[in-house]
Amino acid sequence: MPVLGGFHHVRLPVSDVVTSLEWYRRVLFLEVAIEFIEDGVLRAVTLSDPDRTLRLALREDPQRAPGLAGFNALAFGVPTMQDLHAWSDHLDALGVEHSAIAEGSVGWLIGGITDPDDIEIRLYTHERRP
């Protein structure tokens, strides 16, 4: 049987790639891995975390971006509850709205984080509830 080895990347449509890029850098510490320049203009980026464990592609597509508004399209894994508390403190320091830490179906989570296109992002622990 063929085997899958995780996600290669996830791609999101965004209304303004530069605005979204700066938000994902500032809020989630993601950095540019690849830039896609078309006709001399930045139209898409692939972002990665410092350890290169995930890739998120942002594609400027103002017509499609509103279709994900209010939808929780992304849930990033966080190793421990201690890390989740550190994320909560970081978000508070930036003034980024988010939920309190809550029980999820498997672990603990922070929800209610929204990017510039109002796409909801959640942070989930890998730790299971006791």
N, C-alpha and C. Protein backbone atom coordinates (compact mmCIF):
# COMPACT_ATOMS: atom_id res chain seq x y z
N MET A 1 0.85 -1.18 0.00
CA MET A 1 0.00 0.00 0.00
C MET A 1 0.89 1.24 0.00
N PRO A 2 0.56 2.27 -0.81
CA PRO A 2 1.33 3.52 -0.80
C PRO A 2 1.21 4.21 0.55
N VAL A 3 2.23 4.97 0.93
CA VAL A 3 2.28 5.62 2.24
C VAL A 3 2.31 7.14 2.07
N LEU A 4 1.57 7.83 2.92
CA LEU A 4 1.66 9.29 2.98
C LEU A 4 2.59 9.67 4.13
N GLY A 5 3.31 10.76 3.97
CA GLY A 5 4.27 11.18 4.99
C GLY A 5 3.98 12.55 5.56
N GLY A 6 2.72 12.85 5.82
CA GLY A 6 2.37 14.17 6.35
C GLY A 6 2.05 15.13 5.23
N PHE A 7 1.83 16.38 5.58
CA PHE A 7 1.52 17.41 4.59
C PHE A 7 2.79 17.99 4.02
N HIS A 8 2.80 18.24 2.72
CA HIS A 8 3.90 18.97 2.10
C HIS A 8 3.75 20.45 2.41
N HIS A 9 2.53 20.98 2.19
CA HIS A 9 2.19 22.35 2.57
C HIS A 9 0.68 22.53 2.51
N VAL A 10 0.23 23.59 3.11
CA VAL A 10 -1.16 24.02 3.02
C VAL A 10 -1.14 25.39 2.35
N ARG A 11 -2.05 25.64 1.42
CA ARG A 11 -2.09 26.92 0.72
C ARG A 11 -3.41 27.63 1.04
N LEU A 12 -3.29 28.91 1.38
CA LEU A 12 -4.46 29.74 1.66
C LEU A 12 -4.52 30.91 0.68
N PRO A 13 -5.71 31.25 0.23
CA PRO A 13 -5.85 32.49 -0.53
C PRO A 13 -5.89 33.67 0.45
N VAL A 14 -5.21 34.75 0.10
CA VAL A 14 -5.22 35.95 0.93
C VAL A 14 -5.52 37.16 0.06
N SER A 15 -6.08 38.18 0.65
CA SER A 15 -6.42 39.37 -0.14
C SER A 15 -5.20 40.22 -0.43
N ASP A 16 -4.21 40.24 0.47
CA ASP A 16 -2.99 41.02 0.27
C ASP A 16 -1.83 40.22 0.84
N VAL A 17 -0.98 39.70 -0.02
CA VAL A 17 0.08 38.80 0.43
C VAL A 17 1.08 39.50 1.35
N VAL A 18 1.39 40.76 1.12
CA VAL A 18 2.36 41.47 1.96
C VAL A 18 1.80 41.66 3.37
N THR A 19 0.54 42.07 3.48
CA THR A 19 -0.09 42.24 4.78
C THR A 19 -0.13 40.92 5.54
N SER A 20 -0.54 39.86 4.86
CA SER A 20 -0.61 38.54 5.50
C SER A 20 0.77 38.04 5.89
N LEU A 21 1.74 38.22 5.02
CA LEU A 21 3.11 37.81 5.32
C LEU A 21 3.60 38.46 6.60
N GLU A 22 3.41 39.75 6.72
CA GLU A 22 3.87 40.46 7.92
C GLU A 22 3.14 39.97 9.17
N TRP A 23 1.85 39.67 9.06
CA TRP A 23 1.08 39.18 10.20
C TRP A 23 1.60 37.80 10.63
N TYR A 24 1.77 36.88 9.69
CA TYR A 24 2.24 35.53 10.04
C TYR A 24 3.66 35.56 10.59
N ARG A 25 4.48 36.48 10.13
CA ARG A 25 5.83 36.65 10.70
C ARG A 25 5.73 37.12 12.15
N ARG A 26 4.97 38.17 12.35
CA ARG A 26 4.90 38.81 13.67
C ARG A 26 4.20 37.92 14.70
N VAL A 27 3.10 37.31 14.30
CA VAL A 27 2.27 36.58 15.26
C VAL A 27 2.75 35.13 15.44
N LEU A 28 3.09 34.45 14.36
CA LEU A 28 3.43 33.02 14.46
C LEU A 28 4.90 32.69 14.22
N PHE A 29 5.73 33.72 14.05
CA PHE A 29 7.17 33.54 13.86
C PHE A 29 7.51 32.74 12.61
N LEU A 30 6.65 32.76 11.60
CA LEU A 30 6.93 32.05 10.36
C LEU A 30 7.80 32.94 9.47
N GLU A 31 8.71 32.31 8.75
CA GLU A 31 9.64 33.04 7.88
C GLU A 31 9.51 32.58 6.44
N VAL A 32 9.88 33.45 5.53
CA VAL A 32 9.78 33.16 4.10
C VAL A 32 10.77 32.06 3.73
N ALA A 33 10.25 31.02 3.10
CA ALA A 33 11.08 29.94 2.55
C ALA A 33 11.21 30.11 1.03
N ILE A 34 10.11 30.53 0.39
CA ILE A 34 10.10 30.73 -1.06
C ILE A 34 9.23 31.95 -1.36
N GLU A 35 9.67 32.78 -2.29
CA GLU A 35 8.87 33.90 -2.79
C GLU A 35 8.50 33.62 -4.24
N PHE A 36 7.30 34.01 -4.61
CA PHE A 36 6.84 33.88 -5.98
C PHE A 36 6.55 35.28 -6.52
N ILE A 37 7.44 35.76 -7.39
CA ILE A 37 7.35 37.08 -7.99
C ILE A 37 6.78 36.92 -9.39
N GLU A 38 5.73 37.68 -9.68
CA GLU A 38 5.12 37.66 -11.01
C GLU A 38 5.05 39.09 -11.52
N ASP A 39 5.61 39.31 -12.70
CA ASP A 39 5.64 40.65 -13.29
C ASP A 39 6.23 41.67 -12.33
N GLY A 40 7.26 41.24 -11.58
CA GLY A 40 7.95 42.14 -10.66
C GLY A 40 7.24 42.39 -9.34
N VAL A 41 6.13 41.66 -9.08
CA VAL A 41 5.34 41.88 -7.86
C VAL A 41 5.25 40.57 -7.07
N LEU A 42 5.44 40.66 -5.77
CA LEU A 42 5.27 39.49 -4.90
C LEU A 42 3.81 39.08 -4.90
N ARG A 43 3.53 37.85 -5.34
CA ARG A 43 2.15 37.36 -5.42
C ARG A 43 1.87 36.18 -4.49
N ALA A 44 2.94 35.52 -4.03
CA ALA A 44 2.76 34.37 -3.14
C ALA A 44 4.05 34.13 -2.37
N VAL A 45 3.90 33.51 -1.21
CA VAL A 45 5.06 33.11 -0.41
C VAL A 45 4.77 31.75 0.20
N THR A 46 5.83 31.01 0.44
CA THR A 46 5.74 29.83 1.27
C THR A 46 6.49 30.16 2.54
N LEU A 47 5.83 29.96 3.67
CA LEU A 47 6.39 30.27 4.97
C LEU A 47 6.72 28.97 5.69
N SER A 48 7.68 29.06 6.61
CA SER A 48 8.05 27.90 7.40
C SER A 48 8.41 28.34 8.81
N ASP A 49 8.26 27.44 9.74
CA ASP A 49 8.69 27.70 11.11
C ASP A 49 10.21 27.56 11.18
N PRO A 50 10.85 28.04 12.24
CA PRO A 50 12.31 27.98 12.32
C PRO A 50 12.89 26.56 12.21
N ASP A 51 12.16 25.55 12.69
CA ASP A 51 12.66 24.17 12.62
C ASP A 51 12.29 23.47 11.32
N ARG A 52 11.61 24.18 10.41
CA ARG A 52 11.21 23.64 9.12
C ARG A 52 10.33 22.39 9.26
N THR A 53 9.42 22.43 10.25
CA THR A 53 8.51 21.29 10.44
C THR A 53 7.18 21.49 9.72
N LEU A 54 6.91 22.73 9.26
CA LEU A 54 5.66 22.97 8.54
C LEU A 54 5.88 24.02 7.47
N ARG A 55 5.02 23.98 6.47
CA ARG A 55 5.04 24.98 5.40
C ARG A 55 3.61 25.45 5.15
N LEU A 56 3.48 26.76 5.08
CA LEU A 56 2.21 27.39 4.80
C LEU A 56 2.41 28.31 3.61
N ALA A 57 1.64 28.10 2.55
CA ALA A 57 1.73 28.94 1.36
C ALA A 57 0.58 29.93 1.38
N LEU A 58 0.91 31.19 1.11
CA LEU A 58 -0.09 32.25 1.01
C LEU A 58 -0.09 32.74 -0.42
N ARG A 59 -1.24 32.68 -1.07
CA ARG A 59 -1.38 33.09 -2.47
C ARG A 59 -2.34 34.27 -2.55
N GLU A 60 -1.87 35.38 -3.11
CA GLU A 60 -2.74 36.54 -3.26
C GLU A 60 -3.87 36.19 -4.23
N ASP A 61 -5.08 36.22 -3.71
CA ASP A 61 -6.27 35.87 -4.50
C ASP A 61 -7.46 36.56 -3.83
N PRO A 62 -7.60 37.89 -4.06
CA PRO A 62 -8.63 38.65 -3.36
C PRO A 62 -10.06 38.18 -3.60
N GLN A 63 -10.30 37.49 -4.70
CA GLN A 63 -11.66 37.00 -4.95
C GLN A 63 -11.99 35.78 -4.08
N ARG A 64 -11.02 34.92 -3.84
CA ARG A 64 -11.28 33.70 -3.06
C ARG A 64 -11.09 33.89 -1.56
N ALA A 65 -10.24 34.82 -1.16
CA ALA A 65 -9.91 34.98 0.26
C ALA A 65 -11.14 35.17 1.15
N PRO A 66 -12.14 35.96 0.77
CA PRO A 66 -13.31 36.13 1.66
C PRO A 66 -14.07 34.83 1.93
N GLY A 67 -13.91 33.84 1.07
CA GLY A 67 -14.63 32.58 1.25
C GLY A 67 -14.24 31.81 2.49
N LEU A 68 -13.06 32.08 3.05
CA LEU A 68 -12.61 31.40 4.27
C LEU A 68 -12.81 32.23 5.53
N ALA A 69 -13.30 33.44 5.39
CA ALA A 69 -13.50 34.31 6.55
C ALA A 69 -14.41 33.62 7.57
N GLY A 70 -13.95 33.61 8.82
CA GLY A 70 -14.72 33.01 9.90
C GLY A 70 -14.56 31.51 10.03
N PHE A 71 -13.84 30.89 9.11
CA PHE A 71 -13.65 29.43 9.13
C PHE A 71 -12.32 29.12 9.80
N ASN A 72 -12.30 28.10 10.68
CA ASN A 72 -11.03 27.74 11.32
C ASN A 72 -10.29 26.73 10.45
N ALA A 73 -9.56 27.28 9.49
CA ALA A 73 -8.89 26.48 8.48
C ALA A 73 -7.58 25.87 8.98
N LEU A 74 -6.95 26.48 9.98
CA LEU A 74 -5.64 26.02 10.42
C LEU A 74 -5.63 25.71 11.91
N ALA A 75 -5.03 24.59 12.26
CA ALA A 75 -4.79 24.24 13.66
C ALA A 75 -3.34 23.79 13.74
N PHE A 76 -2.52 24.60 14.41
CA PHE A 76 -1.10 24.27 14.56
C PHE A 76 -0.89 23.50 15.85
N GLY A 77 -0.02 22.51 15.80
CA GLY A 77 0.31 21.73 16.98
C GLY A 77 1.31 22.45 17.86
N VAL A 78 1.13 22.34 19.15
CA VAL A 78 2.01 22.90 20.16
C VAL A 78 2.41 21.74 21.07
N PRO A 79 3.71 21.54 21.33
CA PRO A 79 4.12 20.34 22.05
C PRO A 79 3.52 20.14 23.44
N THR A 80 3.50 21.17 24.28
CA THR A 80 3.09 20.97 25.67
C THR A 80 2.15 22.07 26.13
N MET A 81 1.53 21.84 27.28
CA MET A 81 0.68 22.86 27.89
C MET A 81 1.51 24.09 28.26
N GLN A 82 2.73 23.88 28.70
CA GLN A 82 3.62 25.00 29.01
C GLN A 82 3.84 25.87 27.77
N ASP A 83 4.03 25.23 26.61
CA ASP A 83 4.19 25.97 25.36
C ASP A 83 2.91 26.72 25.01
N LEU A 84 1.76 26.12 25.27
CA LEU A 84 0.49 26.78 24.98
C LEU A 84 0.34 28.04 25.84
N HIS A 85 0.75 27.96 27.10
CA HIS A 85 0.72 29.15 27.96
C HIS A 85 1.67 30.23 27.42
N ALA A 86 2.83 29.81 26.91
CA ALA A 86 3.77 30.78 26.32
C ALA A 86 3.15 31.46 25.11
N TRP A 87 2.42 30.71 24.29
CA TRP A 87 1.72 31.30 23.14
C TRP A 87 0.67 32.30 23.61
N SER A 88 -0.08 31.95 24.64
CA SER A 88 -1.09 32.86 25.17
C SER A 88 -0.44 34.18 25.62
N ASP A 89 0.69 34.09 26.33
CA ASP A 89 1.41 35.28 26.77
C ASP A 89 1.90 36.09 25.57
N HIS A 90 2.42 35.42 24.56
CA HIS A 90 2.92 36.10 23.35
C HIS A 90 1.78 36.85 22.65
N LEU A 91 0.65 36.18 22.48
CA LEU A 91 -0.50 36.81 21.82
C LEU A 91 -0.99 38.01 22.63
N ASP A 92 -1.02 37.87 23.96
CA ASP A 92 -1.41 38.99 24.81
C ASP A 92 -0.46 40.17 24.63
N ALA A 93 0.83 39.89 24.59
CA ALA A 93 1.83 40.96 24.44
C ALA A 93 1.67 41.71 23.12
N LEU A 94 1.23 41.00 22.08
CA LEU A 94 1.01 41.63 20.78
C LEU A 94 -0.36 42.30 20.67
N GLY A 95 -1.23 42.03 21.62
CA GLY A 95 -2.60 42.55 21.54
C GLY A 95 -3.46 41.80 20.53
N VAL A 96 -3.10 40.54 20.26
CA VAL A 96 -3.86 39.71 19.32
C VAL A 96 -4.97 39.01 20.10
N GLU A 97 -6.21 39.22 19.68
CA GLU A 97 -7.33 38.57 20.34
C GLU A 97 -7.25 37.06 20.20
N HIS A 98 -7.68 36.38 21.27
CA HIS A 98 -7.71 34.91 21.27
C HIS A 98 -8.56 34.45 22.43
N SER A 99 -8.94 33.19 22.37
CA SER A 99 -9.72 32.61 23.46
C SER A 99 -8.79 32.28 24.63
N ALA A 100 -9.42 31.98 25.74
CA ALA A 100 -8.67 31.41 26.86
C ALA A 100 -8.27 29.98 26.48
N ILE A 101 -7.34 29.43 27.19
CA ILE A 101 -6.99 28.02 26.98
C ILE A 101 -8.19 27.17 27.39
N ALA A 102 -8.57 26.26 26.50
CA ALA A 102 -9.77 25.45 26.73
C ALA A 102 -9.49 23.99 26.40
N GLU A 103 -10.34 23.13 26.91
CA GLU A 103 -10.24 21.71 26.58
C GLU A 103 -10.73 21.49 25.16
N GLY A 104 -9.96 20.75 24.39
CA GLY A 104 -10.38 20.33 23.07
C GLY A 104 -10.82 18.88 23.12
N SER A 105 -11.12 18.31 22.00
CA SER A 105 -11.56 16.91 21.98
C SER A 105 -10.43 15.95 22.31
N VAL A 106 -9.18 16.36 22.08
CA VAL A 106 -8.05 15.49 22.38
C VAL A 106 -7.09 16.15 23.36
N GLY A 107 -6.77 17.40 23.16
CA GLY A 107 -5.83 18.10 24.03
C GLY A 107 -6.40 19.43 24.47
N TRP A 108 -5.54 20.41 24.61
CA TRP A 108 -5.91 21.75 25.02
C TRP A 108 -5.67 22.69 23.86
N LEU A 109 -6.42 23.81 23.83
CA LEU A 109 -6.29 24.69 22.67
C LEU A 109 -6.51 26.14 23.01
N ILE A 110 -6.00 26.98 22.11
CA ILE A 110 -6.33 28.40 22.05
C ILE A 110 -6.98 28.60 20.69
N GLY A 111 -8.15 29.21 20.67
CA GLY A 111 -8.84 29.51 19.43
C GLY A 111 -9.06 31.00 19.30
N GLY A 112 -9.82 31.37 18.31
CA GLY A 112 -10.20 32.76 18.14
C GLY A 112 -9.12 33.68 17.61
N ILE A 113 -8.00 33.13 17.17
CA ILE A 113 -6.94 33.93 16.56
C ILE A 113 -7.34 34.11 15.10
N THR A 114 -7.38 35.33 14.61
CA THR A 114 -7.76 35.52 13.21
C THR A 114 -6.69 36.31 12.47
N ASP A 115 -6.41 35.85 11.25
CA ASP A 115 -5.42 36.53 10.41
C ASP A 115 -6.07 37.74 9.74
N PRO A 116 -5.34 38.48 8.91
CA PRO A 116 -5.92 39.68 8.29
C PRO A 116 -7.15 39.44 7.42
N ASP A 117 -7.35 38.20 6.94
CA ASP A 117 -8.54 37.87 6.15
C ASP A 117 -9.62 37.21 6.99
N ASP A 118 -9.48 37.26 8.31
CA ASP A 118 -10.46 36.72 9.25
C ASP A 118 -10.54 35.19 9.19
N ILE A 119 -9.45 34.54 8.78
CA ILE A 119 -9.36 33.08 8.85
C ILE A 119 -8.95 32.73 10.27
N GLU A 120 -9.72 31.86 10.91
CA GLU A 120 -9.40 31.50 12.30
C GLU A 120 -8.28 30.48 12.35
N ILE A 121 -7.41 30.69 13.33
CA ILE A 121 -6.28 29.79 13.58
C ILE A 121 -6.40 29.30 15.01
N ARG A 122 -6.13 28.03 15.20
CA ARG A 122 -6.12 27.45 16.54
C ARG A 122 -4.76 26.84 16.82
N LEU A 123 -4.40 26.84 18.09
CA LEU A 123 -3.18 26.20 18.55
C LEU A 123 -3.59 25.07 19.49
N TYR A 124 -3.19 23.84 19.17
CA TYR A 124 -3.56 22.66 19.94
C TYR A 124 -2.33 22.00 20.53
N THR A 125 -2.46 21.55 21.78
CA THR A 125 -1.35 20.78 22.36
C THR A 125 -1.34 19.38 21.76
N HIS A 126 -0.15 18.80 21.75
CA HIS A 126 -0.01 17.39 21.39
C HIS A 126 -0.29 16.52 22.62
N GLU A 127 -0.23 17.14 23.80
CA GLU A 127 -0.51 16.40 25.02
C GLU A 127 -1.99 16.07 25.10
N ARG A 128 -2.29 14.91 25.53
CA ARG A 128 -3.68 14.51 25.71
C ARG A 128 -4.17 14.97 27.08
N ARG A 129 -5.46 15.14 27.17
CA ARG A 129 -6.04 15.49 28.47
C ARG A 129 -5.87 14.31 29.42
N PRO A 130 -5.72 14.61 30.71
CA PRO A 130 -5.60 13.50 31.68
C PRO A 130 -6.90 12.75 31.83
